[in-house]
Amino acid sequence: MPHYKITTDDGAGFQGANDSIEFSDTKAATDDAQVALAEMAREKLPNGKRASFGVQVENEAGKSVYRADLEFSAHSEADIEREEGEADVAAQDVAATLWAGPLD
Protein backbone atom coordinates (compact mmCIF):
# COMPACT_ATOMS: atom_id res chain seq x y z
CA MET A 1 0.00 0.00 0.00
CA PRO A 2 1.18 3.54 -0.69
CA HIS A 3 2.42 5.84 2.06
CA TYR A 4 1.41 9.48 2.54
CA LYS A 5 2.57 12.25 4.81
CA ILE A 6 -0.09 14.54 6.28
CA THR A 7 0.89 17.92 7.65
CA THR A 8 -1.49 20.15 9.57
CA ASP A 9 -1.70 23.84 10.44
CA ASP A 10 -3.80 24.89 13.40
CA GLY A 11 -2.86 28.53 12.99
CA ALA A 12 0.68 28.16 14.32
CA GLY A 13 2.24 27.01 11.04
CA PHE A 14 2.42 23.64 9.33
CA GLN A 15 3.46 20.73 11.49
CA GLY A 16 3.93 17.28 10.08
CA ALA A 17 4.33 13.82 11.40
CA ASN A 18 7.86 12.48 11.05
CA ASP A 19 6.60 9.21 9.62
CA SER A 20 4.42 8.57 6.62
CA ILE A 21 1.13 6.74 7.01
CA GLU A 22 -0.08 3.85 4.92
CA PHE A 23 -3.41 4.38 3.09
CA SER A 24 -5.13 2.28 0.45
CA ASP A 25 -5.09 5.20 -2.02
CA THR A 26 -4.94 8.98 -2.35
CA LYS A 27 -8.67 9.37 -1.64
CA ALA A 28 -8.31 7.56 1.68
CA ALA A 29 -5.41 9.85 2.62
CA THR A 30 -7.29 13.00 1.64
CA ASP A 31 -10.41 11.82 3.50
CA ASP A 32 -8.27 11.40 6.62
CA ALA A 33 -6.81 14.89 6.10
CA GLN A 34 -10.33 16.35 5.91
CA VAL A 35 -11.26 14.66 9.17
CA ALA A 36 -8.09 16.09 10.76
CA LEU A 37 -9.10 19.56 9.54
CA ALA A 38 -12.54 19.26 11.13
CA GLU A 39 -11.05 17.94 14.38
CA MET A 40 -8.61 20.87 14.59
CA ALA A 41 -11.49 23.31 14.21
CA ARG A 42 -13.55 21.49 16.84
CA GLU A 43 -10.65 21.48 19.32
CA LYS A 44 -9.63 25.13 18.83
CA LEU A 45 -13.06 26.81 18.61
CA PRO A 46 -14.47 28.89 20.15
CA ASN A 47 -11.33 30.92 20.52
CA GLY A 48 -11.79 34.48 19.40
CA LYS A 49 -13.17 35.93 16.22
CA ARG A 50 -10.79 34.46 13.64
CA ALA A 51 -9.00 31.19 13.06
CA SER A 52 -7.25 29.52 10.13
CA PHE A 53 -6.62 25.81 9.69
CA GLY A 54 -4.98 23.80 6.94
CA VAL A 55 -3.90 20.32 5.90
CA GLN A 56 -1.62 19.02 3.20
CA VAL A 57 -1.04 15.49 1.89
CA GLU A 58 2.16 14.41 0.16
CA ASN A 59 2.68 11.13 -1.65
CA GLU A 60 5.71 8.84 -1.24
CA ALA A 61 7.71 10.96 -3.68
CA GLY A 62 7.09 14.07 -1.57
CA LYS A 63 4.71 15.60 -4.13
CA SER A 64 1.71 17.48 -2.76
CA VAL A 65 -1.45 15.67 -3.84
CA TYR A 66 -3.99 17.54 -1.70
CA ARG A 67 -4.28 20.76 0.26
CA ALA A 68 -7.28 22.22 2.10
CA ASP A 69 -7.81 25.35 4.16
CA LEU A 70 -10.58 26.34 6.54
CA GLU A 71 -11.09 29.97 7.53
CA PHE A 72 -13.31 30.86 10.48
CA SER A 73 -14.65 34.36 11.04
CA ALA A 74 -17.14 35.34 13.75
CA HIS A 75 -19.11 38.57 14.05
CA SER A 76 -20.86 39.80 17.19
CA GLU A 77 -24.01 41.90 17.15
CA ALA A 78 -21.91 45.05 17.57
CA ASP A 79 -19.64 43.97 14.69
CA ILE A 80 -22.64 43.38 12.43
CA GLU A 81 -24.15 46.77 13.24
CA ARG A 82 -20.82 48.53 12.62
CA GLU A 83 -20.26 46.68 9.33
CA GLU A 84 -23.79 47.47 8.15
CA GLY A 85 -23.29 51.14 9.03
CA GLU A 86 -20.00 51.21 7.10
CA ALA A 87 -21.71 49.57 4.11
CA ASP A 88 -24.52 52.16 4.23
CA VAL A 89 -22.00 55.02 4.24
CA ALA A 90 -20.10 53.47 1.32
CA ALA A 91 -23.33 53.01 -0.64
CA GLN A 92 -24.29 56.64 0.01
CA ASP A 93 -20.86 57.77 -1.23
CA VAL A 94 -21.26 55.74 -4.43
CA ALA A 95 -24.78 57.09 -4.99
CA ALA A 96 -23.63 60.67 -4.45
CA THR A 97 -20.81 60.17 -6.96
CA LEU A 98 -23.19 58.70 -9.52
CA TRP A 99 -25.70 61.54 -9.07
CA ALA A 100 -22.96 64.13 -9.47
CA GLY A 101 -22.19 62.91 -12.97
CA PRO A 102 -18.83 62.59 -14.68
CA LEU A 103 -15.98 64.74 -13.50
CA ASP A 104 -14.49 67.12 -16.09
PDB file of N, CA and C in Angstrom:
ATOM      1  N   MET A   1       0.841  -1.185   0.000  1.00  0.00           N
ATOM      2  CA  MET A   1       0.000   0.000   0.000  1.00  0.00           C
ATOM      3  C   MET A   1       0.884   1.244   0.000  1.00  0.00           C
ATOM      4  N   PRO A   2       0.402   2.313  -0.642  1.00  0.00           N
ATOM      5  CA  PRO A   2       1.185   3.543  -0.689  1.00  0.00           C
ATOM      6  C   PRO A   2       1.205   4.271   0.655  1.00  0.00           C
ATOM      7  N   HIS A   3       2.254   5.049   0.842  1.00  0.00           N
ATOM      8  CA  HIS A   3       2.417   5.842   2.064  1.00  0.00           C
ATOM      9  C   HIS A   3       2.231   7.319   1.732  1.00  0.00           C
ATOM     10  N   TYR A   4       1.654   8.060   2.689  1.00  0.00           N
ATOM     11  CA  TYR A   4       1.412   9.484   2.537  1.00  0.00           C
ATOM     12  C   TYR A   4       1.822  10.193   3.815  1.00  0.00           C
ATOM     13  N   LYS A   5       2.235  11.424   3.655  1.00  0.00           N
ATOM     14  CA  LYS A   5       2.569  12.252   4.809  1.00  0.00           C
ATOM     15  C   LYS A   5       1.525  13.359   4.893  1.00  0.00           C
ATOM     16  N   ILE A   6       0.916  13.499   6.057  1.00  0.00           N
ATOM     17  CA  ILE A   6      -0.090  14.536   6.277  1.00  0.00           C
ATOM     18  C   ILE A   6       0.481  15.573   7.226  1.00  0.00           C
ATOM     19  N   THR A   7       0.462  16.825   6.789  1.00  0.00           N
ATOM     20  CA  THR A   7       0.887  17.921   7.654  1.00  0.00           C
ATOM     21  C   THR A   7      -0.334  18.782   7.947  1.00  0.00           C
ATOM     22  N   THR A   8      -0.352  19.348   9.146  1.00  0.00           N
ATOM     23  CA  THR A   8      -1.490  20.152   9.573  1.00  0.00           C
ATOM     24  C   THR A   8      -1.028  21.530  10.032  1.00  0.00           C
ATOM     25  N   ASP A   9      -1.952  22.482   9.960  1.00  0.00           N
ATOM     26  CA  ASP A   9      -1.695  23.841  10.441  1.00  0.00           C
ATOM     27  C   ASP A   9      -2.908  24.281  11.243  1.00  0.00           C
ATOM     28  N   ASP A  10      -2.707  24.445  12.540  1.00  0.00           N
ATOM     29  CA  ASP A  10      -3.800  24.889  13.405  1.00  0.00           C
ATOM     30  C   ASP A  10      -3.709  26.387  13.693  1.00  0.00           C
ATOM     31  N   GLY A  11      -3.027  27.094  12.823  1.00  0.00           N
ATOM     32  CA  GLY A  11      -2.856  28.534  12.991  1.00  0.00           C
ATOM     33  C   GLY A  11      -1.456  28.895  13.444  1.00  0.00           C
ATOM     34  N   ALA A  12      -0.677  27.917  13.836  1.00  0.00           N
ATOM     35  CA  ALA A  12       0.680  28.161  14.322  1.00  0.00           C
ATOM     36  C   ALA A  12       1.725  27.736  13.302  1.00  0.00           C
ATOM     37  N   GLY A  13       1.315  27.470  12.071  1.00  0.00           N
ATOM     38  CA  GLY A  13       2.238  27.013  11.042  1.00  0.00           C
ATOM     39  C   GLY A  13       2.108  25.516  10.818  1.00  0.00           C
ATOM     40  N   PHE A  14       2.548  25.065   9.656  1.00  0.00           N
ATOM     41  CA  PHE A  14       2.420  23.643   9.326  1.00  0.00           C
ATOM     42  C   PHE A  14       3.319  22.788  10.199  1.00  0.00           C
ATOM     43  N   GLN A  15       2.739  21.695  10.672  1.00  0.00           N
ATOM     44  CA  GLN A  15       3.456  20.729  11.490  1.00  0.00           C
ATOM     45  C   GLN A  15       3.138  19.350  10.928  1.00  0.00           C
ATOM     46  N   GLY A  16       4.165  18.587  10.666  1.00  0.00           N
ATOM     47  CA  GLY A  16       3.934  17.276  10.078  1.00  0.00           C
ATOM     48  C   GLY A  16       4.431  16.162  10.962  1.00  0.00           C
ATOM     49  N   ALA A  17       3.850  15.019  10.736  1.00  0.00           N
ATOM     50  CA  ALA A  17       4.334  13.816  11.403  1.00  0.00           C
ATOM     51  C   ALA A  17       5.667  13.435  10.785  1.00  0.00           C
ATOM     52  N   ASN A  18       6.556  12.890  11.564  1.00  0.00           N
ATOM     53  CA  ASN A  18       7.858  12.484  11.046  1.00  0.00           C
ATOM     54  C   ASN A  18       7.749  11.266  10.138  1.00  0.00           C
ATOM     55  N   ASP A  19       6.758  10.446  10.388  1.00  0.00           N
ATOM     56  CA  ASP A  19       6.598   9.214   9.618  1.00  0.00           C
ATOM     57  C   ASP A  19       5.431   9.343   8.660  1.00  0.00           C
ATOM     58  N   SER A  20       5.536   8.621   7.552  1.00  0.00           N
ATOM     59  CA  SER A  20       4.419   8.570   6.625  1.00  0.00           C
ATOM     60  C   SER A  20       3.422   7.517   7.120  1.00  0.00           C
ATOM     61  N   ILE A  21       2.203   7.642   6.601  1.00  0.00           N
ATOM     62  CA  ILE A  21       1.129   6.743   7.013  1.00  0.00           C
ATOM     63  C   ILE A  21       0.675   5.954   5.791  1.00  0.00           C
ATOM     64  N   GLU A  22       0.357   4.711   6.005  1.00  0.00           N
ATOM     65  CA  GLU A  22      -0.085   3.851   4.919  1.00  0.00           C
ATOM     66  C   GLU A  22      -1.591   4.008   4.716  1.00  0.00           C
ATOM     67  N   PHE A  23      -1.995   4.293   3.458  1.00  0.00           N
ATOM     68  CA  PHE A  23      -3.407   4.377   3.088  1.00  0.00           C
ATOM     69  C   PHE A  23      -3.617   3.545   1.839  1.00  0.00           C
ATOM     70  N   SER A  24      -4.843   3.121   1.621  1.00  0.00           N
ATOM     71  CA  SER A  24      -5.125   2.285   0.446  1.00  0.00           C
ATOM     72  C   SER A  24      -4.948   3.055  -0.856  1.00  0.00           C
ATOM     73  N   ASP A  25      -5.244   4.368  -0.820  1.00  0.00           N
ATOM     74  CA  ASP A  25      -5.091   5.196  -2.022  1.00  0.00           C
ATOM     75  C   ASP A  25      -5.117   6.673  -1.621  1.00  0.00           C
ATOM     76  N   THR A  26      -4.979   7.545  -2.618  1.00  0.00           N
ATOM     77  CA  THR A  26      -4.938   8.978  -2.354  1.00  0.00           C
ATOM     78  C   THR A  26      -6.243   9.465  -1.734  1.00  0.00           C
ATOM     79  N   LYS A  27      -7.385   8.943  -2.196  1.00  0.00           N
ATOM     80  CA  LYS A  27      -8.670   9.369  -1.644  1.00  0.00           C
ATOM     81  C   LYS A  27      -8.751   9.066  -0.157  1.00  0.00           C
ATOM     82  N   ALA A  28      -8.283   7.912   0.259  1.00  0.00           N
ATOM     83  CA  ALA A  28      -8.310   7.559   1.681  1.00  0.00           C
ATOM     84  C   ALA A  28      -7.440   8.529   2.483  1.00  0.00           C
ATOM     85  N   ALA A  29      -6.295   8.903   1.937  1.00  0.00           N
ATOM     86  CA  ALA A  29      -5.405   9.846   2.621  1.00  0.00           C
ATOM     87  C   ALA A  29      -6.040  11.228   2.712  1.00  0.00           C
ATOM     88  N   THR A  30      -6.676  11.672   1.616  1.00  0.00           N
ATOM     89  CA  THR A  30      -7.294  12.995   1.637  1.00  0.00           C
ATOM     90  C   THR A  30      -8.535  13.011   2.534  1.00  0.00           C
ATOM     91  N   ASP A  31      -9.267  11.907   2.579  1.00  0.00           N
ATOM     92  CA  ASP A  31     -10.407  11.819   3.499  1.00  0.00           C
ATOM     93  C   ASP A  31      -9.928  11.970   4.941  1.00  0.00           C
ATOM     94  N   ASP A  32      -8.829  11.309   5.272  1.00  0.00           N
ATOM     95  CA  ASP A  32      -8.267  11.400   6.618  1.00  0.00           C
ATOM     96  C   ASP A  32      -7.813  12.832   6.910  1.00  0.00           C
ATOM     97  N   ALA A  33      -7.246  13.500   5.924  1.00  0.00           N
ATOM     98  CA  ALA A  33      -6.815  14.887   6.096  1.00  0.00           C
ATOM     99  C   ALA A  33      -8.013  15.796   6.367  1.00  0.00           C
ATOM    100  N   GLN A  34      -9.129  15.556   5.675  1.00  0.00           N
ATOM    101  CA  GLN A  34     -10.334  16.350   5.906  1.00  0.00           C
ATOM    102  C   GLN A  34     -10.858  16.155   7.321  1.00  0.00           C
ATOM    103  N   VAL A  35     -10.828  14.934   7.796  1.00  0.00           N
ATOM    104  CA  VAL A  35     -11.255  14.656   9.174  1.00  0.00           C
ATOM    105  C   VAL A  35     -10.343  15.394  10.153  1.00  0.00           C
ATOM    106  N   ALA A  36      -9.040  15.382   9.893  1.00  0.00           N
ATOM    107  CA  ALA A  36      -8.088  16.093  10.759  1.00  0.00           C
ATOM    108  C   ALA A  36      -8.395  17.583  10.777  1.00  0.00           C
ATOM    109  N   LEU A  37      -8.756  18.145   9.641  1.00  0.00           N
ATOM    110  CA  LEU A  37      -9.095  19.563   9.539  1.00  0.00           C
ATOM    111  C   LEU A  37     -10.314  19.874  10.410  1.00  0.00           C
ATOM    112  N   ALA A  38     -11.332  19.061  10.313  1.00  0.00           N
ATOM    113  CA  ALA A  38     -12.540  19.260  11.127  1.00  0.00           C
ATOM    114  C   ALA A  38     -12.238  19.103  12.614  1.00  0.00           C
ATOM    115  N   GLU A  39     -11.397  18.145  12.975  1.00  0.00           N
ATOM    116  CA  GLU A  39     -11.046  17.936  14.382  1.00  0.00           C
ATOM    117  C   GLU A  39     -10.255  19.118  14.945  1.00  0.00           C
ATOM    118  N   MET A  40      -9.354  19.687  14.128  1.00  0.00           N
ATOM    119  CA  MET A  40      -8.611  20.865  14.585  1.00  0.00           C
ATOM    120  C   MET A  40      -9.566  22.006  14.889  1.00  0.00           C
ATOM    121  N   ALA A  41     -10.515  22.226  14.010  1.00  0.00           N
ATOM    122  CA  ALA A  41     -11.486  23.305  14.211  1.00  0.00           C
ATOM    123  C   ALA A  41     -12.300  23.046  15.474  1.00  0.00           C
ATOM    124  N   ARG A  42     -12.746  21.828  15.662  1.00  0.00           N
ATOM    125  CA  ARG A  42     -13.548  21.488  16.844  1.00  0.00           C
ATOM    126  C   ARG A  42     -12.749  21.704  18.133  1.00  0.00           C
ATOM    127  N   GLU A  43     -11.474  21.343  18.126  1.00  0.00           N
ATOM    128  CA  GLU A  43     -10.646  21.481  19.320  1.00  0.00           C
ATOM    129  C   GLU A  43     -10.301  22.933  19.637  1.00  0.00           C
ATOM    130  N   LYS A  44     -10.107  23.760  18.623  1.00  0.00           N
ATOM    131  CA  LYS A  44      -9.631  25.130  18.827  1.00  0.00           C
ATOM    132  C   LYS A  44     -10.753  26.147  19.007  1.00  0.00           C
ATOM    133  N   LEU A  45     -11.963  25.851  18.534  1.00  0.00           N
ATOM    134  CA  LEU A  45     -13.059  26.814  18.607  1.00  0.00           C
ATOM    135  C   LEU A  45     -13.961  26.496  19.779  1.00  0.00           C
ATOM    136  N   PRO A  46     -14.587  27.463  20.427  1.00  0.00           N
ATOM    137  CA  PRO A  46     -14.467  28.893  20.148  1.00  0.00           C
ATOM    138  C   PRO A  46     -13.205  29.461  20.773  1.00  0.00           C
ATOM    139  N   ASN A  47     -12.571  30.321  20.045  1.00  0.00           N
ATOM    140  CA  ASN A  47     -11.328  30.924  20.525  1.00  0.00           C
ATOM    141  C   ASN A  47     -11.115  32.229  19.770  1.00  0.00           C
ATOM    142  N   GLY A  48     -11.940  33.204  20.058  1.00  0.00           N
ATOM    143  CA  GLY A  48     -11.790  34.485  19.397  1.00  0.00           C
ATOM    144  C   GLY A  48     -12.647  34.599  18.163  1.00  0.00           C
ATOM    145  N   LYS A  49     -12.348  35.618  17.377  1.00  0.00           N
ATOM    146  CA  LYS A  49     -13.168  35.929  16.217  1.00  0.00           C
ATOM    147  C   LYS A  49     -12.635  35.364  14.910  1.00  0.00           C
ATOM    148  N   ARG A  50     -11.374  34.956  14.882  1.00  0.00           N
ATOM    149  CA  ARG A  50     -10.792  34.458  13.637  1.00  0.00           C
ATOM    150  C   ARG A  50      -9.891  33.258  13.927  1.00  0.00           C
ATOM    151  N   ALA A  51      -9.899  32.336  12.969  1.00  0.00           N
ATOM    152  CA  ALA A  51      -9.003  31.188  13.056  1.00  0.00           C
ATOM    153  C   ALA A  51      -8.778  30.639  11.651  1.00  0.00           C
ATOM    154  N   SER A  52      -7.596  30.118  11.411  1.00  0.00           N
ATOM    155  CA  SER A  52      -7.251  29.516  10.125  1.00  0.00           C
ATOM    156  C   SER A  52      -6.671  28.131  10.377  1.00  0.00           C
ATOM    157  N   PHE A  53      -7.090  27.181   9.572  1.00  0.00           N
ATOM    158  CA  PHE A  53      -6.618  25.812   9.691  1.00  0.00           C
ATOM    159  C   PHE A  53      -6.259  25.302   8.300  1.00  0.00           C
ATOM    160  N   GLY A  54      -5.349  24.361   8.227  1.00  0.00           N
ATOM    161  CA  GLY A  54      -4.981  23.797   6.936  1.00  0.00           C
ATOM    162  C   GLY A  54      -4.421  22.397   7.072  1.00  0.00           C
ATOM    163  N   VAL A  55      -4.498  21.650   5.989  1.00  0.00           N
ATOM    164  CA  VAL A  55      -3.896  20.319   5.899  1.00  0.00           C
ATOM    165  C   VAL A  55      -3.274  20.172   4.524  1.00  0.00           C
ATOM    166  N   GLN A  56      -2.272  19.326   4.463  1.00  0.00           N
ATOM    167  CA  GLN A  56      -1.615  19.022   3.196  1.00  0.00           C
ATOM    168  C   GLN A  56      -1.235  17.550   3.197  1.00  0.00           C
ATOM    169  N   VAL A  57      -1.392  16.905   2.040  1.00  0.00           N
ATOM    170  CA  VAL A  57      -1.041  15.495   1.890  1.00  0.00           C
ATOM    171  C   VAL A  57       0.031  15.393   0.815  1.00  0.00           C
ATOM    172  N   GLU A  58       1.093  14.667   1.123  1.00  0.00           N
ATOM    173  CA  GLU A  58       2.165  14.412   0.159  1.00  0.00           C
ATOM    174  C   GLU A  58       2.247  12.910  -0.096  1.00  0.00           C
ATOM    175  N   ASN A  59       2.518  12.549  -1.331  1.00  0.00           N
ATOM    176  CA  ASN A  59       2.682  11.130  -1.645  1.00  0.00           C
ATOM    177  C   ASN A  59       4.093  10.667  -1.271  1.00  0.00           C
ATOM    178  N   GLU A  60       4.401   9.421  -1.604  1.00  0.00           N
ATOM    179  CA  GLU A  60       5.705   8.839  -1.240  1.00  0.00           C
ATOM    180  C   GLU A  60       6.878   9.592  -1.853  1.00  0.00           C
ATOM    181  N   ALA A  61       6.646  10.218  -2.999  1.00  0.00           N
ATOM    182  CA  ALA A  61       7.710  10.961  -3.682  1.00  0.00           C
ATOM    183  C   ALA A  61       7.871  12.371  -3.114  1.00  0.00           C
ATOM    184  N   GLY A  62       7.020  12.738  -2.160  1.00  0.00           N
ATOM    185  CA  GLY A  62       7.091  14.074  -1.568  1.00  0.00           C
ATOM    186  C   GLY A  62       6.304  15.118  -2.344  1.00  0.00           C
ATOM    187  N   LYS A  63       5.524  14.678  -3.328  1.00  0.00           N
ATOM    188  CA  LYS A  63       4.715  15.596  -4.133  1.00  0.00           C
ATOM    189  C   LYS A  63       3.382  15.858  -3.430  1.00  0.00           C
ATOM    190  N   SER A  64       2.999  17.133  -3.344  1.00  0.00           N
ATOM    191  CA  SER A  64       1.707  17.481  -2.758  1.00  0.00           C
ATOM    192  C   SER A  64       0.595  16.976  -3.661  1.00  0.00           C
ATOM    193  N   VAL A  65      -0.328  16.201  -3.071  1.00  0.00           N
ATOM    194  CA  VAL A  65      -1.448  15.668  -3.841  1.00  0.00           C
ATOM    195  C   VAL A  65      -2.778  16.232  -3.352  1.00  0.00           C
ATOM    196  N   TYR A  66      -2.753  16.969  -2.245  1.00  0.00           N
ATOM    197  CA  TYR A  66      -3.991  17.539  -1.699  1.00  0.00           C
ATOM    198  C   TYR A  66      -3.634  18.630  -0.700  1.00  0.00           C
ATOM    199  N   ARG A  67      -4.440  19.691  -0.731  1.00  0.00           N
ATOM    200  CA  ARG A  67      -4.283  20.759   0.258  1.00  0.00           C
ATOM    201  C   ARG A  67      -5.665  21.348   0.499  1.00  0.00           C
ATOM    202  N   ALA A  68      -5.989  21.615   1.756  1.00  0.00           N
ATOM    203  CA  ALA A  68      -7.283  22.217   2.104  1.00  0.00           C
ATOM    204  C   ALA A  68      -7.071  23.235   3.216  1.00  0.00           C
ATOM    205  N   ASP A  69      -7.858  24.303   3.156  1.00  0.00           N
ATOM    206  CA  ASP A  69      -7.810  25.353   4.162  1.00  0.00           C
ATOM    207  C   ASP A  69      -9.217  25.613   4.671  1.00  0.00           C
ATOM    208  N   LEU A  70      -9.310  25.994   5.922  1.00  0.00           N
ATOM    209  CA  LEU A  70     -10.580  26.343   6.539  1.00  0.00           C
ATOM    210  C   LEU A  70     -10.388  27.659   7.273  1.00  0.00           C
ATOM    211  N   GLU A  71     -11.163  28.653   6.898  1.00  0.00           N
ATOM    212  CA  GLU A  71     -11.094  29.971   7.531  1.00  0.00           C
ATOM    213  C   GLU A  71     -12.354  30.178   8.353  1.00  0.00           C
ATOM    214  N   PHE A  72     -12.189  30.594   9.595  1.00  0.00           N
ATOM    215  CA  PHE A  72     -13.314  30.861  10.481  1.00  0.00           C
ATOM    216  C   PHE A  72     -13.320  32.339  10.814  1.00  0.00           C
ATOM    217  N   SER A  73     -14.490  32.943  10.723  1.00  0.00           N
ATOM    218  CA  SER A  73     -14.648  34.362  11.038  1.00  0.00           C
ATOM    219  C   SER A  73     -15.972  34.545  11.760  1.00  0.00           C
ATOM    220  N   ALA A  74     -15.941  35.119  12.952  1.00  0.00           N
ATOM    221  CA  ALA A  74     -17.144  35.337  13.747  1.00  0.00           C
ATOM    222  C   ALA A  74     -17.419  36.829  13.875  1.00  0.00           C
ATOM    223  N   HIS A  75     -18.702  37.173  13.944  1.00  0.00           N
ATOM    224  CA  HIS A  75     -19.105  38.570  14.053  1.00  0.00           C
ATOM    225  C   HIS A  75     -20.160  38.698  15.144  1.00  0.00           C
ATOM    226  N   SER A  76     -19.895  39.552  16.124  1.00  0.00           N
ATOM    227  CA  SER A  76     -20.856  39.797  17.190  1.00  0.00           C
ATOM    228  C   SER A  76     -21.937  40.756  16.697  1.00  0.00           C
ATOM    229  N   GLU A  77     -22.950  40.954  17.511  1.00  0.00           N
ATOM    230  CA  GLU A  77     -24.009  41.895  17.152  1.00  0.00           C
ATOM    231  C   GLU A  77     -23.443  43.291  16.899  1.00  0.00           C
ATOM    232  N   ALA A  78     -22.530  43.737  17.743  1.00  0.00           N
ATOM    233  CA  ALA A  78     -21.908  45.053  17.568  1.00  0.00           C
ATOM    234  C   ALA A  78     -21.106  45.110  16.258  1.00  0.00           C
ATOM    235  N   ASP A  79     -20.394  44.032  15.942  1.00  0.00           N
ATOM    236  CA  ASP A  79     -19.638  43.973  14.685  1.00  0.00           C
ATOM    237  C   ASP A  79     -20.572  44.098  13.485  1.00  0.00           C
ATOM    238  N   ILE A  80     -21.679  43.375  13.534  1.00  0.00           N
ATOM    239  CA  ILE A  80     -22.642  43.383  12.429  1.00  0.00           C
ATOM    240  C   ILE A  80     -23.215  44.780  12.233  1.00  0.00           C
ATOM    241  N   GLU A  81     -23.596  45.431  13.326  1.00  0.00           N
ATOM    242  CA  GLU A  81     -24.154  46.773  13.235  1.00  0.00           C
ATOM    243  C   GLU A  81     -23.127  47.755  12.666  1.00  0.00           C
ATOM    244  N   ARG A  82     -21.879  47.647  13.113  1.00  0.00           N
ATOM    245  CA  ARG A  82     -20.824  48.533  12.616  1.00  0.00           C
ATOM    246  C   ARG A  82     -20.588  48.290  11.127  1.00  0.00           C
ATOM    247  N   GLU A  83     -20.500  47.017  10.737  1.00  0.00           N
ATOM    248  CA  GLU A  83     -20.261  46.679   9.331  1.00  0.00           C
ATOM    249  C   GLU A  83     -21.413  47.163   8.451  1.00  0.00           C
ATOM    250  N   GLU A  84     -22.646  46.998   8.930  1.00  0.00           N
ATOM    251  CA  GLU A  84     -23.794  47.466   8.151  1.00  0.00           C
ATOM    252  C   GLU A  84     -23.770  48.987   8.018  1.00  0.00           C
ATOM    253  N   GLY A  85     -23.389  49.685   9.083  1.00  0.00           N
ATOM    254  CA  GLY A  85     -23.286  51.142   9.032  1.00  0.00           C
ATOM    255  C   GLY A  85     -22.220  51.582   8.043  1.00  0.00           C
ATOM    256  N   GLU A  86     -21.077  50.885   8.039  1.00  0.00           N
ATOM    257  CA  GLU A  86     -20.003  51.208   7.098  1.00  0.00           C
ATOM    258  C   GLU A  86     -20.458  50.947   5.661  1.00  0.00           C
ATOM    259  N   ALA A  87     -21.211  49.879   5.451  1.00  0.00           N
ATOM    260  CA  ALA A  87     -21.713  49.568   4.114  1.00  0.00           C
ATOM    261  C   ALA A  87     -22.708  50.634   3.659  1.00  0.00           C
ATOM    262  N   ASP A  88     -23.557  51.102   4.579  1.00  0.00           N
ATOM    263  CA  ASP A  88     -24.517  52.158   4.230  1.00  0.00           C
ATOM    264  C   ASP A  88     -23.798  53.437   3.824  1.00  0.00           C
ATOM    265  N   VAL A  89     -22.766  53.810   4.564  1.00  0.00           N
ATOM    266  CA  VAL A  89     -22.000  55.020   4.238  1.00  0.00           C
ATOM    267  C   VAL A  89     -21.331  54.867   2.878  1.00  0.00           C
ATOM    268  N   ALA A  90     -20.758  53.711   2.616  1.00  0.00           N
ATOM    269  CA  ALA A  90     -20.101  53.471   1.323  1.00  0.00           C
ATOM    270  C   ALA A  90     -21.117  53.538   0.186  1.00  0.00           C
ATOM    271  N   ALA A  91     -22.298  52.965   0.391  1.00  0.00           N
ATOM    272  CA  ALA A  91     -23.333  53.010  -0.641  1.00  0.00           C
ATOM    273  C   ALA A  91     -23.782  54.447  -0.894  1.00  0.00           C
ATOM    274  N   GLN A  92     -23.909  55.233   0.163  1.00  0.00           N
ATOM    275  CA  GLN A  92     -24.288  56.642   0.007  1.00  0.00           C
ATOM    276  C   GLN A  92     -23.216  57.408  -0.769  1.00  0.00           C
ATOM    277  N   ASP A  93     -21.958  57.120  -0.497  1.00  0.00           N
ATOM    278  CA  ASP A  93     -20.860  57.769  -1.225  1.00  0.00           C
ATOM    279  C   ASP A  93     -20.909  57.420  -2.716  1.00  0.00           C
ATOM    280  N   VAL A  94     -21.166  56.160  -3.029  1.00  0.00           N
ATOM    281  CA  VAL A  94     -21.260  55.745  -4.428  1.00  0.00           C
ATOM    282  C   VAL A  94     -22.445  56.435  -5.097  1.00  0.00           C
ATOM    283  N   ALA A  95     -23.591  56.448  -4.416  1.00  0.00           N
ATOM    284  CA  ALA A  95     -24.782  57.090  -4.989  1.00  0.00           C
ATOM    285  C   ALA A  95     -24.536  58.572  -5.229  1.00  0.00           C
ATOM    286  N   ALA A  96     -23.906  59.244  -4.284  1.00  0.00           N
ATOM    287  CA  ALA A  96     -23.631  60.668  -4.448  1.00  0.00           C
ATOM    288  C   ALA A  96     -22.708  60.914  -5.635  1.00  0.00           C
ATOM    289  N   THR A  97     -21.723  60.047  -5.820  1.00  0.00           N
ATOM    290  CA  THR A  97     -20.812  60.175  -6.959  1.00  0.00           C
ATOM    291  C   THR A  97     -21.547  59.963  -8.266  1.00  0.00           C
ATOM    292  N   LEU A  98     -22.425  58.967  -8.300  1.00  0.00           N
ATOM    293  CA  LEU A  98     -23.186  58.701  -9.521  1.00  0.00           C
ATOM    294  C   LEU A  98     -24.133  59.841  -9.866  1.00  0.00           C
ATOM    295  N   TRP A  99     -24.774  60.431  -8.853  1.00  0.00           N
ATOM    296  CA  TRP A  99     -25.697  61.536  -9.074  1.00  0.00           C
ATOM    297  C   TRP A  99     -24.961  62.800  -9.520  1.00  0.00           C
ATOM    298  N   ALA A 100     -23.714  62.935  -9.121  1.00  0.00           N
ATOM    299  CA  ALA A 100     -22.956  64.135  -9.466  1.00  0.00           C
ATOM    300  C   ALA A 100     -22.563  64.151 -10.942  1.00  0.00           C
ATOM    301  N   GLY A 101     -22.549  62.983 -11.556  1.00  0.00           N
ATOM    302  CA  GLY A 101     -22.188  62.909 -12.969  1.00  0.00           C
ATOM    303  C   GLY A 101     -20.700  62.808 -13.149  1.00  0.00           C
ATOM    304  N   PRO A 102     -20.269  62.756 -14.407  1.00  0.00           N
ATOM    305  CA  PRO A 102     -18.832  62.593 -14.683  1.00  0.00           C
ATOM    306  C   PRO A 102     -18.060  63.855 -14.300  1.00  0.00           C
ATOM    307  N   LEU A 103     -16.857  63.644 -13.847  1.00  0.00           N
ATOM    308  CA  LEU A 103     -15.976  64.745 -13.505  1.00  0.00           C
ATOM    309  C   LEU A 103     -15.299  65.243 -14.765  1.00  0.00           C
ATOM    310  N   ASP A 104     -15.159  66.535 -14.906  1.00  0.00           N
ATOM    311  CA  ASP A 104     -14.493  67.117 -16.085  1.00  0.00           C
ATOM    312  C   ASP A 104     -13.023  67.312 -15.837  1.00  0.00           C
TER     313      ASP A 104
END
